[in-house]
């Protein structure tokens, strides 16, 4: 007679994702992408109702296993209470994550002008006044977010793809890393958790036959990585990140962006980012993707 497994079955836990960020940064696009992949999305929920809704979902996780709540600043007085609402969730033992969408001022202004809409906080002032007020209001929430996505250089399809990549998988949550190459001459990535400077590596730009190619090409990659300092750097950097990544897991942080920069973001940073991603992907419970922010720019 077969023995009965009496091991208690762990109840299914619901996932709660709070989607917020700057007006015009892509909250609607993110919400649509989440909805396409099985999330139940509630938009424009007053923050005071957040803990009540979360408690209802926690009691019956099978009914709404994946709930995303989109919160914005159209009700400024309501939004001021969101930190208290999130603190109440934590005190109640309800697990949640915060996705914050951001973009630079020029991009936000352009998007509002294209849509012929005023900023919700500009009142009788300029659009930039409204953007500045919103940044101040959201500063603490942005600092505490689990994931920050800068949408300045992303179109709606690229943003939807990244949201899908981050939040569509089911099963045990692993640590998801994005290794991003970039060029210092175009500015630091605002959504990077760590930044590595690889401008110490000999530059293929000064080799005529390599200049037209990129770090994705084998001849450039070989030129960059054959340098002993480059290989030693990548190996040591991975080892230095291992306790950091383990700490992220302990703190229930599931997403991080590691940026690798050279002068223009075409040769050295691209080759090193690809190699770094390969080595990080060999670590247990880590999923790695690459992004080359400035590749193709002149």
C-alpha atoms as a PDB file:
ATOM      1  CA  UNK A   1       0.000   0.000   0.000  1.00  0.00           C
ATOM      2  CA  UNK A   2       1.399   3.355  -0.955  1.00  0.00           C
ATOM      3  CA  UNK A   3       2.298   5.681   1.855  1.00  0.00           C
ATOM      4  CA  UNK A   4       0.434   8.956   2.040  1.00  0.00           C
ATOM      5  CA  UNK A   5       2.541  12.112   1.968  1.00  0.00           C
ATOM      6  CA  UNK A   6       1.503  14.042   5.059  1.00  0.00           C
ATOM      7  CA  UNK A   7       3.797  17.003   4.382  1.00  0.00           C
ATOM      8  CA  UNK A   8       1.713  20.166   4.751  1.00  0.00           C
ATOM      9  CA  UNK A   9       1.081  21.891   1.468  1.00  0.00           C
ATOM     10  CA  UNK A  10       2.216  25.504   1.546  1.00  0.00           C
ATOM     11  CA  UNK A  11      -0.690  27.763   0.616  1.00  0.00           C
ATOM     12  CA  UNK A  12      -0.355  29.600  -2.645  1.00  0.00           C
ATOM     13  CA  UNK A  13       0.822  33.162  -2.104  1.00  0.00           C
ATOM     14  CA  UNK A  14      -0.449  36.040  -4.176  1.00  0.00           C
ATOM     15  CA  UNK A  15       1.891  38.534  -5.810  1.00  0.00           C
ATOM     16  CA  UNK A  16       1.246  42.242  -5.320  1.00  0.00           C
ATOM     17  CA  UNK A  17       2.983  44.738  -7.571  1.00  0.00           C
ATOM     18  CA  UNK A  18       2.597  48.497  -7.091  1.00  0.00           C
ATOM     19  CA  UNK A  19       3.196  50.331 -10.375  1.00  0.00           C
ATOM     20  CA  UNK A  20       3.950  54.030 -10.087  1.00  0.00           C
ATOM     21  CA  UNK A  21       6.324  56.696 -11.349  1.00  0.00           C
ATOM     22  CA  UNK A  22       6.455  59.925 -13.277  1.00  0.00           C
ATOM     23  CA  UNK A  23       3.470  60.975 -15.350  1.00  0.00           C
ATOM     24  CA  UNK A  24       4.282  60.294 -18.983  1.00  0.00           C
ATOM     25  CA  UNK A  25       6.907  57.650 -18.171  1.00  0.00           C
ATOM     26  CA  UNK A  26       4.815  54.698 -19.363  1.00  0.00           C
ATOM     27  CA  UNK A  27       2.569  53.430 -16.571  1.00  0.00           C
ATOM     28  CA  UNK A  28      -0.251  52.582 -18.995  1.00  0.00           C
ATOM     29  CA  UNK A  29       2.124  50.654 -21.255  1.00  0.00           C
ATOM     30  CA  UNK A  30       3.443  48.697 -18.282  1.00  0.00           C
ATOM     31  CA  UNK A  31      -0.093  47.988 -17.066  1.00  0.00           C
ATOM     32  CA  UNK A  32      -1.140  46.675 -20.472  1.00  0.00           C
ATOM     33  CA  UNK A  33       1.910  44.406 -20.648  1.00  0.00           C
ATOM     34  CA  UNK A  34       1.173  43.005 -17.200  1.00  0.00           C
ATOM     35  CA  UNK A  35      -2.463  42.404 -18.096  1.00  0.00           C
ATOM     36  CA  UNK A  36      -1.382  40.545 -21.232  1.00  0.00           C
ATOM     37  CA  UNK A  37       0.567  38.128 -19.058  1.00  0.00           C
ATOM     38  CA  UNK A  38      -2.028  37.196 -16.497  1.00  0.00           C
ATOM     39  CA  UNK A  39      -1.884  40.017 -13.975  1.00  0.00           C
ATOM     40  CA  UNK A  40      -5.133  41.498 -12.705  1.00  0.00           C
ATOM     41  CA  UNK A  41      -4.555  45.237 -13.030  1.00  0.00           C
ATOM     42  CA  UNK A  42      -6.315  47.912 -10.967  1.00  0.00           C
ATOM     43  CA  UNK A  43      -5.631  51.433 -12.207  1.00  0.00           C
ATOM     44  CA  UNK A  44      -5.891  54.753 -10.366  1.00  0.00           C
ATOM     45  CA  UNK A  45      -6.544  53.155  -6.987  1.00  0.00           C
ATOM     46  CA  UNK A  46      -6.498  55.664  -4.088  1.00  0.00           C
ATOM     47  CA  UNK A  47      -3.555  54.656  -1.859  1.00  0.00           C
ATOM     48  CA  UNK A  48      -5.834  54.506   1.194  1.00  0.00           C
ATOM     49  CA  UNK A  49      -7.557  51.491  -0.382  1.00  0.00           C
ATOM     50  CA  UNK A  50      -4.317  49.658  -1.107  1.00  0.00           C
ATOM     51  CA  UNK A  51      -4.022  47.804   2.193  1.00  0.00           C
ATOM     52  CA  UNK A  52      -7.715  46.829   2.147  1.00  0.00           C
ATOM     53  CA  UNK A  53      -7.434  45.389  -1.352  1.00  0.00           C
ATOM     54  CA  UNK A  54      -4.196  43.598  -0.491  1.00  0.00           C
ATOM     55  CA  UNK A  55      -5.766  41.983   2.574  1.00  0.00           C
ATOM     56  CA  UNK A  56      -8.678  40.705   0.508  1.00  0.00           C
ATOM     57  CA  UNK A  57      -6.314  39.182  -2.030  1.00  0.00           C
ATOM     58  CA  UNK A  58      -4.128  37.664   0.702  1.00  0.00           C
ATOM     59  CA  UNK A  59      -7.139  35.836   2.132  1.00  0.00           C
ATOM     60  CA  UNK A  60      -8.032  34.260  -1.237  1.00  0.00           C
ATOM     61  CA  UNK A  61      -4.811  34.120  -3.260  1.00  0.00           C
ATOM     62  CA  UNK A  62      -6.258  31.590  -5.702  1.00  0.00           C
ATOM     63  CA  UNK A  63      -8.772  34.162  -6.913  1.00  0.00           C
ATOM     64  CA  UNK A  64      -6.179  36.826  -7.776  1.00  0.00           C
ATOM     65  CA  UNK A  65      -2.705  35.252  -7.659  1.00  0.00           C
ATOM     66  CA  UNK A  66      -1.086  38.215  -9.479  1.00  0.00           C
ATOM     67  CA  UNK A  67      -2.385  41.683  -8.668  1.00  0.00           C
ATOM     68  CA  UNK A  68      -0.888  44.899 -10.043  1.00  0.00           C
ATOM     69  CA  UNK A  69      -2.053  48.249  -8.668  1.00  0.00           C
ATOM     70  CA  UNK A  70      -1.295  51.409 -10.658  1.00  0.00           C
ATOM     71  CA  UNK A  71      -1.029  54.551  -8.519  1.00  0.00           C
ATOM     72  CA  UNK A  72      -0.497  58.081  -9.850  1.00  0.00           C
ATOM     73  CA  UNK A  73      -0.451  61.664  -8.593  1.00  0.00           C
ATOM     74  CA  UNK A  74      -3.690  62.949 -10.079  1.00  0.00           C
ATOM     75  CA  UNK A  75      -5.051  63.040  -6.555  1.00  0.00           C
ATOM     76  CA  UNK A  76      -2.093  64.726  -4.871  1.00  0.00           C
ATOM     77  CA  UNK A  77      -3.646  64.626  -1.399  1.00  0.00           C
ATOM     78  CA  UNK A  78      -4.389  60.914  -1.820  1.00  0.00           C
ATOM     79  CA  UNK A  79      -0.920  60.147  -3.144  1.00  0.00           C
ATOM     80  CA  UNK A  80       0.761  61.721  -0.122  1.00  0.00           C
ATOM     81  CA  UNK A  81      -0.578  58.775   1.907  1.00  0.00           C
ATOM     82  CA  UNK A  82       1.027  56.055  -0.197  1.00  0.00           C
ATOM     83  CA  UNK A  83       4.070  55.666   2.039  1.00  0.00           C
ATOM     84  CA  UNK A  84       1.796  55.082   5.027  1.00  0.00           C
ATOM     85  CA  UNK A  85      -0.189  52.552   3.003  1.00  0.00           C
ATOM     86  CA  UNK A  86       2.963  50.649   2.007  1.00  0.00           C
ATOM     87  CA  UNK A  87       4.185  50.676   5.612  1.00  0.00           C
ATOM     88  CA  UNK A  88       0.857  49.175   6.665  1.00  0.00           C
ATOM     89  CA  UNK A  89       1.290  46.397   4.107  1.00  0.00           C
ATOM     90  CA  UNK A  90       4.736  45.571   5.459  1.00  0.00           C
ATOM     91  CA  UNK A  91       3.499  45.640   9.059  1.00  0.00           C
ATOM     92  CA  UNK A  92       0.690  43.247   8.112  1.00  0.00           C
ATOM     93  CA  UNK A  93       3.146  40.780   6.605  1.00  0.00           C
ATOM     94  CA  UNK A  94       1.815  41.296   3.079  1.00  0.00           C
ATOM     95  CA  UNK A  95       4.630  40.951   0.541  1.00  0.00           C
ATOM     96  CA  UNK A  96       4.727  43.471  -2.290  1.00  0.00           C
ATOM     97  CA  UNK A  97       7.084  44.958  -4.859  1.00  0.00           C
ATOM     98  CA  UNK A  98       7.246  48.459  -6.322  1.00  0.00           C
ATOM     99  CA  UNK A  99       7.905  49.161 -10.007  1.00  0.00           C
ATOM    100  CA  UNK A 100       8.859  52.795 -10.616  1.00  0.00           C
ATOM    101  CA  UNK A 101       8.870  54.236 -14.146  1.00  0.00           C
ATOM    102  CA  UNK A 102      10.996  57.300 -14.790  1.00  0.00           C
ATOM    103  CA  UNK A 103      12.179  59.463 -17.699  1.00  0.00           C
ATOM    104  CA  UNK A 104      14.219  62.625 -18.091  1.00  0.00           C
ATOM    105  CA  UNK A 105      12.509  66.009 -18.185  1.00  0.00           C
ATOM    106  CA  UNK A 106      13.021  66.598 -21.914  1.00  0.00           C
ATOM    107  CA  UNK A 107      11.400  63.268 -22.757  1.00  0.00           C
ATOM    108  CA  UNK A 108       8.425  63.903 -20.465  1.00  0.00           C
ATOM    109  CA  UNK A 109       7.863  67.372 -21.936  1.00  0.00           C
ATOM    110  CA  UNK A 110       7.997  65.980 -25.464  1.00  0.00           C
ATOM    111  CA  UNK A 111       5.496  63.235 -24.643  1.00  0.00           C
ATOM    112  CA  UNK A 112       3.045  65.637 -23.045  1.00  0.00           C
ATOM    113  CA  UNK A 113       3.342  68.023 -25.985  1.00  0.00           C
ATOM    114  CA  UNK A 114       2.775  65.208 -28.471  1.00  0.00           C
ATOM    115  CA  UNK A 115      -0.335  64.174 -26.553  1.00  0.00           C
ATOM    116  CA  UNK A 116      -1.410  67.808 -26.168  1.00  0.00           C
ATOM    117  CA  UNK A 117      -2.020  67.282 -22.471  1.00  0.00           C
ATOM    118  CA  UNK A 118      -1.013  69.388 -19.448  1.00  0.00           C
ATOM    119  CA  UNK A 119       0.968  67.861 -16.626  1.00  0.00           C
ATOM    120  CA  UNK A 120      -1.399  66.921 -13.770  1.00  0.00           C
ATOM    121  CA  UNK A 121       0.521  69.066 -11.254  1.00  0.00           C
ATOM    122  CA  UNK A 122       1.413  72.111 -13.338  1.00  0.00           C
ATOM    123  CA  UNK A 123      -1.698  74.116 -12.457  1.00  0.00           C
ATOM    124  CA  UNK A 124      -1.247  77.651 -13.776  1.00  0.00           C
ATOM    125  CA  UNK A 125       2.525  77.231 -14.056  1.00  0.00           C
ATOM    126  CA  UNK A 126       4.781  75.705 -16.681  1.00  0.00           C
ATOM    127  CA  UNK A 127       4.936  72.033 -17.518  1.00  0.00           C
ATOM    128  CA  UNK A 128       8.444  71.850 -16.031  1.00  0.00           C
ATOM    129  CA  UNK A 129       7.046  73.208 -12.753  1.00  0.00           C
ATOM    130  CA  UNK A 130       4.618  70.295 -12.611  1.00  0.00           C
ATOM    131  CA  UNK A 131       7.374  67.777 -13.409  1.00  0.00           C
ATOM    132  CA  UNK A 132       9.604  69.234 -10.676  1.00  0.00           C
ATOM    133  CA  UNK A 133       6.779  69.069  -8.136  1.00  0.00           C
ATOM    134  CA  UNK A 134       6.080  65.458  -9.062  1.00  0.00           C
ATOM    135  CA  UNK A 135       9.758  64.485  -8.735  1.00  0.00           C
ATOM    136  CA  UNK A 136       9.859  65.951  -5.253  1.00  0.00           C
ATOM    137  CA  UNK A 137       6.673  64.149  -4.272  1.00  0.00           C
ATOM    138  CA  UNK A 138       7.943  60.813  -5.582  1.00  0.00           C
ATOM    139  CA  UNK A 139      11.587  61.009  -4.480  1.00  0.00           C
ATOM    140  CA  UNK A 140      11.327  58.739  -1.436  1.00  0.00           C
ATOM    141  CA  UNK A 141       9.155  56.216  -3.236  1.00  0.00           C
ATOM    142  CA  UNK A 142      11.629  56.028  -6.110  1.00  0.00           C
ATOM    143  CA  UNK A 143      14.508  55.406  -3.700  1.00  0.00           C
ATOM    144  CA  UNK A 144      12.598  52.542  -2.077  1.00  0.00           C
ATOM    145  CA  UNK A 145      11.412  50.912  -5.329  1.00  0.00           C
ATOM    146  CA  UNK A 146      12.401  47.330  -6.140  1.00  0.00           C
ATOM    147  CA  UNK A 147      12.696  48.084  -9.855  1.00  0.00           C
ATOM    148  CA  UNK A 148      13.331  51.442 -11.548  1.00  0.00           C
ATOM    149  CA  UNK A 149      12.999  51.564 -15.329  1.00  0.00           C
ATOM    150  CA  UNK A 150      14.182  54.644 -17.186  1.00  0.00           C
ATOM    151  CA  UNK A 151      11.990  54.875 -20.286  1.00  0.00           C
ATOM    152  CA  UNK A 152      13.700  57.924 -21.834  1.00  0.00           C
ATOM    153  CA  UNK A 153      15.327  55.893 -24.611  1.00  0.00           C
ATOM    154  CA  UNK A 154      12.623  53.198 -24.851  1.00  0.00           C
ATOM    155  CA  UNK A 155       9.580  53.159 -27.098  1.00  0.00           C
ATOM    156  CA  UNK A 156       6.340  51.514 -25.982  1.00  0.00           C
ATOM    157  CA  UNK A 157       7.303  48.157 -27.493  1.00  0.00           C
ATOM    158  CA  UNK A 158      10.695  48.091 -25.759  1.00  0.00           C
ATOM    159  CA  UNK A 159       9.119  49.002 -22.425  1.00  0.00           C
ATOM    160  CA  UNK A 160       6.439  46.322 -22.814  1.00  0.00           C
ATOM    161  CA  UNK A 161       9.137  43.770 -23.620  1.00  0.00           C
ATOM    162  CA  UNK A 162      11.146  44.638 -20.522  1.00  0.00           C
ATOM    163  CA  UNK A 163       8.106  44.507 -18.247  1.00  0.00           C
ATOM    164  CA  UNK A 164       7.216  41.145 -19.771  1.00  0.00           C
ATOM    165  CA  UNK A 165      10.750  39.866 -19.218  1.00  0.00           C
ATOM    166  CA  UNK A 166      10.729  40.951 -15.578  1.00  0.00           C
ATOM    167  CA  UNK A 167       7.250  39.939 -14.496  1.00  0.00           C
ATOM    168  CA  UNK A 168       5.766  37.295 -16.783  1.00  0.00           C
ATOM    169  CA  UNK A 169       7.537  34.178 -15.487  1.00  0.00           C
ATOM    170  CA  UNK A 170       5.883  31.910 -12.977  1.00  0.00           C
ATOM    171  CA  UNK A 171       7.462  29.636 -10.411  1.00  0.00           C
ATOM    172  CA  UNK A 172      10.178  30.393  -7.852  1.00  0.00           C
ATOM    173  CA  UNK A 173      11.438  33.939  -8.094  1.00  0.00           C
ATOM    174  CA  UNK A 174      15.091  34.197  -9.048  1.00  0.00           C
ATOM    175  CA  UNK A 175      17.338  37.214  -9.016  1.00  0.00           C
ATOM    176  CA  UNK A 176      17.038  38.944 -12.373  1.00  0.00           C
ATOM    177  CA  UNK A 177      20.027  40.968 -13.499  1.00  0.00           C
ATOM    178  CA  UNK A 178      20.286  43.340 -16.437  1.00  0.00           C
ATOM    179  CA  UNK A 179      23.842  43.963 -17.592  1.00  0.00           C
ATOM    180  CA  UNK A 180      23.814  47.226 -19.545  1.00  0.00           C
ATOM    181  CA  UNK A 181      26.600  48.689 -21.649  1.00  0.00           C
ATOM    182  CA  UNK A 182      26.689  52.468 -22.089  1.00  0.00           C
ATOM    183  CA  UNK A 183      28.881  55.390 -23.105  1.00  0.00           C
ATOM    184  CA  UNK A 184      29.992  57.890 -20.463  1.00  0.00           C
ATOM    185  CA  UNK A 185      29.784  60.670 -23.055  1.00  0.00           C
ATOM    186  CA  UNK A 186      26.002  60.141 -23.145  1.00  0.00           C
ATOM    187  CA  UNK A 187      25.571  60.220 -19.371  1.00  0.00           C
ATOM    188  CA  UNK A 188      25.245  57.689 -16.573  1.00  0.00           C
ATOM    189  CA  UNK A 189      22.220  55.313 -16.615  1.00  0.00           C
ATOM    190  CA  UNK A 190      19.861  56.567 -13.940  1.00  0.00           C
ATOM    191  CA  UNK A 191      18.497  53.082 -13.224  1.00  0.00           C
ATOM    192  CA  UNK A 192      21.851  51.388 -12.558  1.00  0.00           C
ATOM    193  CA  UNK A 193      22.539  49.796  -9.179  1.00  0.00           C
ATOM    194  CA  UNK A 194      26.249  49.355  -9.932  1.00  0.00           C
ATOM    195  CA  UNK A 195      28.471  51.093 -12.482  1.00  0.00           C
ATOM    196  CA  UNK A 196      31.754  49.679 -13.773  1.00  0.00           C
ATOM    197  CA  UNK A 197      34.211  51.849 -15.727  1.00  0.00           C
ATOM    198  CA  UNK A 198      36.172  49.877 -18.353  1.00  0.00           C
ATOM    199  CA  UNK A 199      37.926  52.822 -19.960  1.00  0.00           C
ATOM    200  CA  UNK A 200      41.213  51.399 -18.624  1.00  0.00           C
ATOM    201  CA  UNK A 201      41.108  48.746 -21.393  1.00  0.00           C
ATOM    202  CA  UNK A 202      42.892  49.555 -24.706  1.00  0.00           C
ATOM    203  CA  UNK A 203      40.358  51.141 -27.058  1.00  0.00           C
ATOM    204  CA  UNK A 204      39.536  49.368 -30.373  1.00  0.00           C
ATOM    205  CA  UNK A 205      38.427  52.741 -31.705  1.00  0.00           C
ATOM    206  CA  UNK A 206      42.088  53.510 -32.407  1.00  0.00           C
ATOM    207  CA  UNK A 207      42.573  50.355 -34.478  1.00  0.00           C
ATOM    208  CA  UNK A 208      41.421  51.264 -38.029  1.00  0.00           C
ATOM    209  CA  UNK A 209      40.176  47.789 -38.978  1.00  0.00           C
ATOM    210  CA  UNK A 210      38.191  47.478 -35.729  1.00  0.00           C
ATOM    211  CA  UNK A 211      36.718  50.979 -35.547  1.00  0.00           C
ATOM    212  CA  UNK A 212      33.634  50.264 -37.747  1.00  0.00           C
ATOM    213  CA  UNK A 213      32.736  47.159 -35.735  1.00  0.00           C
ATOM    214  CA  UNK A 214      31.188  46.792 -32.270  1.00  0.00           C
ATOM    215  CA  UNK A 215      31.802  44.773 -29.144  1.00  0.00           C
ATOM    216  CA  UNK A 216      29.302  42.223 -30.421  1.00  0.00           C
ATOM    217  CA  UNK A 217      31.728  41.278 -33.191  1.00  0.00           C
ATOM    218  CA  UNK A 218      34.230  38.532 -32.405  1.00  0.00           C
ATOM    219  CA  UNK A 219      37.280  40.431 -33.609  1.00  0.00           C
ATOM    220  CA  UNK A 220      36.502  43.370 -31.307  1.00  0.00           C
ATOM    221  CA  UNK A 221      35.549  41.107 -28.411  1.00  0.00           C
ATOM    222  CA  UNK A 222      38.776  39.148 -28.781  1.00  0.00           C
ATOM    223  CA  UNK A 223      40.802  42.373 -28.878  1.00  0.00           C
ATOM    224  CA  UNK A 224      39.127  43.647 -25.696  1.00  0.00           C
ATOM    225  CA  UNK A 225      39.132  40.439 -23.686  1.00  0.00           C
ATOM    226  CA  UNK A 226      42.580  39.181 -24.671  1.00  0.00           C
ATOM    227  CA  UNK A 227      43.958  41.893 -22.431  1.00  0.00           C
ATOM    228  CA  UNK A 228      44.848  40.146 -19.156  1.00  0.00           C
ATOM    229  CA  UNK A 229      43.646  43.099 -17.120  1.00  0.00           C
ATOM    230  CA  UNK A 230      40.218  42.857 -18.719  1.00  0.00           C
ATOM    231  CA  UNK A 231      39.838  39.144 -17.984  1.00  0.00           C
ATOM    232  CA  UNK A 232      41.075  39.618 -14.436  1.00  0.00           C
ATOM    233  CA  UNK A 233      38.685  42.521 -13.949  1.00  0.00           C
ATOM    234  CA  UNK A 234      35.634  40.522 -15.103  1.00  0.00           C
ATOM    235  CA  UNK A 235      36.539  37.557 -12.905  1.00  0.00           C
ATOM    236  CA  UNK A 236      37.130  39.681  -9.822  1.00  0.00           C
ATOM    237  CA  UNK A 237      34.011  41.742 -10.440  1.00  0.00           C
ATOM    238  CA  UNK A 238      31.847  38.622 -10.547  1.00  0.00           C
ATOM    239  CA  UNK A 239      33.379  37.390  -7.289  1.00  0.00           C
ATOM    240  CA  UNK A 240      32.831  40.799  -5.683  1.00  0.00           C
ATOM    241  CA  UNK A 241      29.170  40.748  -6.748  1.00  0.00           C
ATOM    242  CA  UNK A 242      28.422  37.296  -5.343  1.00  0.00           C
ATOM    243  CA  UNK A 243      27.871  38.426  -1.707  1.00  0.00           C
ATOM    244  CA  UNK A 244      25.937  41.449  -2.979  1.00  0.00           C
ATOM    245  CA  UNK A 245      23.560  39.250  -4.948  1.00  0.00           C
ATOM    246  CA  UNK A 246      23.107  36.925  -2.002  1.00  0.00           C
ATOM    247  CA  UNK A 247      22.298  39.946   0.143  1.00  0.00           C
ATOM    248  CA  UNK A 248      19.695  41.027  -2.393  1.00  0.00           C
ATOM    249  CA  UNK A 249      18.013  37.639  -2.040  1.00  0.00           C
ATOM    250  CA  UNK A 250      17.965  37.912   1.748  1.00  0.00           C
ATOM    251  CA  UNK A 251      16.411  41.360   1.497  1.00  0.00           C
ATOM    252  CA  UNK A 252      13.811  40.096  -0.995  1.00  0.00           C
ATOM    253  CA  UNK A 253      15.179  42.277  -3.791  1.00  0.00           C
ATOM    254  CA  UNK A 254      14.723  40.447  -7.068  1.00  0.00           C
ATOM    255  CA  UNK A 255      16.016  42.882  -9.711  1.00  0.00           C
ATOM    256  CA  UNK A 256      19.240  44.778 -10.270  1.00  0.00           C
ATOM    257  CA  UNK A 257      20.976  46.580 -13.123  1.00  0.00           C
ATOM    258  CA  UNK A 258      24.751  46.453 -13.534  1.00  0.00           C
ATOM    259  CA  UNK A 259      26.046  49.075 -15.950  1.00  0.00           C
ATOM    260  CA  UNK A 260      29.367  48.800 -17.779  1.00  0.00           C
ATOM    261  CA  UNK A 261      30.664  51.988 -19.360  1.00  0.00           C
ATOM    262  CA  UNK A 262      33.342  53.041 -21.820  1.00  0.00           C
ATOM    263  CA  UNK A 263      33.666  56.314 -23.710  1.00  0.00           C
ATOM    264  CA  UNK A 264      31.087  55.809 -26.461  1.00  0.00           C
ATOM    265  CA  UNK A 265      29.334  52.574 -25.525  1.00  0.00           C
ATOM    266  CA  UNK A 266      30.316  50.824 -28.756  1.00  0.00           C
ATOM    267  CA  UNK A 267      33.373  48.621 -28.223  1.00  0.00           C
ATOM    268  CA  UNK A 268      34.814  47.940 -24.773  1.00  0.00           C
ATOM    269  CA  UNK A 269      31.690  48.224 -22.645  1.00  0.00           C
ATOM    270  CA  UNK A 270      29.686  46.044 -25.036  1.00  0.00           C
ATOM    271  CA  UNK A 271      32.287  43.262 -25.117  1.00  0.00           C
ATOM    272  CA  UNK A 272      32.773  43.316 -21.345  1.00  0.00           C
ATOM    273  CA  UNK A 273      29.002  43.440 -20.667  1.00  0.00           C
ATOM    274  CA  UNK A 274      28.455  40.336 -22.793  1.00  0.00           C
ATOM    275  CA  UNK A 275      31.259  38.453 -21.038  1.00  0.00           C
ATOM    276  CA  UNK A 276      30.117  39.609 -17.623  1.00  0.00           C
ATOM    277  CA  UNK A 277      26.556  38.466 -18.362  1.00  0.00           C
ATOM    278  CA  UNK A 278      27.824  35.024 -19.422  1.00  0.00           C
ATOM    279  CA  UNK A 279      29.698  34.554 -16.163  1.00  0.00           C
ATOM    280  CA  UNK A 280      26.918  35.910 -13.955  1.00  0.00           C
ATOM    281  CA  UNK A 281      24.439  33.551 -15.656  1.00  0.00           C
ATOM    282  CA  UNK A 282      26.484  30.628 -14.290  1.00  0.00           C
ATOM    283  CA  UNK A 283      25.646  31.597 -10.710  1.00  0.00           C
ATOM    284  CA  UNK A 284      22.767  29.698  -9.076  1.00  0.00           C
ATOM    285  CA  UNK A 285      19.264  31.213  -9.143  1.00  0.00           C
ATOM    286  CA  UNK A 286      20.296  34.122 -11.339  1.00  0.00           C
ATOM    287  CA  UNK A 287      18.664  35.085 -14.640  1.00  0.00           C
ATOM    288  CA  UNK A 288      20.661  37.537 -16.744  1.00  0.00           C
ATOM    289  CA  UNK A 289      19.798  39.677 -19.751  1.00  0.00           C
ATOM    290  CA  UNK A 290      21.915  42.234 -21.604  1.00  0.00           C
ATOM    291  CA  UNK A 291      21.079  45.641 -22.984  1.00  0.00           C
ATOM    292  CA  UNK A 292      23.326  47.953 -24.983  1.00  0.00           C
ATOM    293  CA  UNK A 293      21.984  51.431 -24.370  1.00  0.00           C
ATOM    294  CA  UNK A 294      24.158  53.458 -26.725  1.00  0.00           C
ATOM    295  CA  UNK A 295      25.017  50.960 -29.413  1.00  0.00           C
ATOM    296  CA  UNK A 296      24.338  52.491 -32.813  1.00  0.00           C
ATOM    297  CA  UNK A 297      24.716  56.100 -31.687  1.00  0.00           C
ATOM    298  CA  UNK A 298      27.191  58.298 -33.492  1.00  0.00           C
END
